[in-house]
């Protein structure tokens, strides 16, 4: 599996960044912020944005998202 190093301290490396493509995620991706306090605003942020509600995503969570995306890709491919 292709390893992706996600940036630290910005939206791309936050658990609330709901990227649609975890296999190719980068700083220029745009995705919804799904933090419970911000979800009502339906914010779309880029991977390079920051905020004070940042919570770092764990490597195993990244790998799980990538594995799920790979399985989905294999189904449709």
Protein backbone atom coordinates (compact mmCIF):
# COMPACT_ATOMS: atom_id res chain seq x y z
CA UNK A 1 0.00 0.00 0.00
CA UNK A 2 1.18 3.49 -0.82
CA UNK A 3 2.19 5.37 2.34
CA UNK A 4 1.05 8.97 2.66
CA UNK A 5 2.63 11.30 5.17
CA UNK A 6 -0.05 13.70 6.33
CA UNK A 7 0.97 17.14 7.58
CA UNK A 8 0.86 17.87 11.29
CA UNK A 9 -1.15 20.65 12.93
CA UNK A 10 -3.51 21.54 10.09
CA UNK A 11 -6.89 20.32 8.86
CA UNK A 12 -5.40 17.54 6.75
CA UNK A 13 -4.11 15.84 9.90
CA UNK A 14 -7.26 16.50 11.94
CA UNK A 15 -9.86 13.83 12.76
CA UNK A 16 -12.64 16.27 11.78
CA UNK A 17 -11.40 16.72 8.17
CA UNK A 18 -13.77 14.53 6.11
CA UNK A 19 -11.71 13.97 2.97
CA UNK A 20 -13.42 12.00 0.20
CA UNK A 21 -10.14 10.58 -1.09
CA UNK A 22 -7.90 9.37 1.75
CA UNK A 23 -5.58 7.62 -0.71
CA UNK A 24 -4.57 10.88 -2.39
CA UNK A 25 -5.18 13.43 0.36
CA UNK A 26 -2.98 16.51 0.30
CA UNK A 27 -2.86 20.07 1.61
CA UNK A 28 -4.86 21.42 -1.34
CA UNK A 29 -7.83 19.08 -0.80
CA UNK A 30 -11.08 20.67 0.29
CA UNK A 31 -13.44 18.82 2.60
CA UNK A 32 -16.14 19.35 5.19
CA UNK A 33 -15.17 20.00 8.78
CA UNK A 34 -17.33 17.58 10.76
CA UNK A 35 -16.48 18.80 14.26
CA UNK A 36 -19.73 18.67 16.32
CA UNK A 37 -19.49 22.38 17.22
CA UNK A 38 -18.85 23.43 13.61
CA UNK A 39 -20.93 20.88 11.71
CA UNK A 40 -24.02 23.13 11.71
CA UNK A 41 -22.12 25.67 9.58
CA UNK A 42 -21.26 23.08 6.89
CA UNK A 43 -17.74 24.49 6.63
CA UNK A 44 -15.58 23.46 3.73
CA UNK A 45 -11.91 23.87 4.52
CA UNK A 46 -8.65 23.05 2.78
CA UNK A 47 -6.08 20.62 4.12
CA UNK A 48 -3.74 23.49 4.92
CA UNK A 49 -6.21 25.40 7.14
CA UNK A 50 -5.99 25.48 10.96
CA UNK A 51 -8.31 26.13 13.90
CA UNK A 52 -8.34 25.86 17.67
CA UNK A 53 -10.50 22.70 17.62
CA UNK A 54 -7.76 20.63 15.99
CA UNK A 55 -7.45 17.00 17.11
CA UNK A 56 -4.70 14.96 15.51
CA UNK A 57 -5.75 11.89 13.58
CA UNK A 58 -3.91 8.72 14.58
CA UNK A 59 -1.90 6.78 12.00
CA UNK A 60 -4.12 3.71 12.45
CA UNK A 61 -7.18 5.86 11.62
CA UNK A 62 -5.49 7.06 8.43
CA UNK A 63 -4.62 3.49 7.48
CA UNK A 64 -8.19 2.35 8.18
CA UNK A 65 -9.60 5.10 5.94
CA UNK A 66 -7.14 4.15 3.20
CA UNK A 67 -7.98 0.44 3.47
CA UNK A 68 -11.71 1.21 3.23
CA UNK A 69 -11.10 3.41 0.17
CA UNK A 70 -9.03 0.66 -1.47
CA UNK A 71 -11.80 -1.90 -0.89
CA UNK A 72 -14.35 0.49 -2.35
CA UNK A 73 -12.11 1.14 -5.34
CA UNK A 74 -11.69 -2.61 -5.93
CA UNK A 75 -15.48 -3.11 -5.83
CA UNK A 76 -16.15 -0.42 -8.41
CA UNK A 77 -13.10 -1.20 -10.56
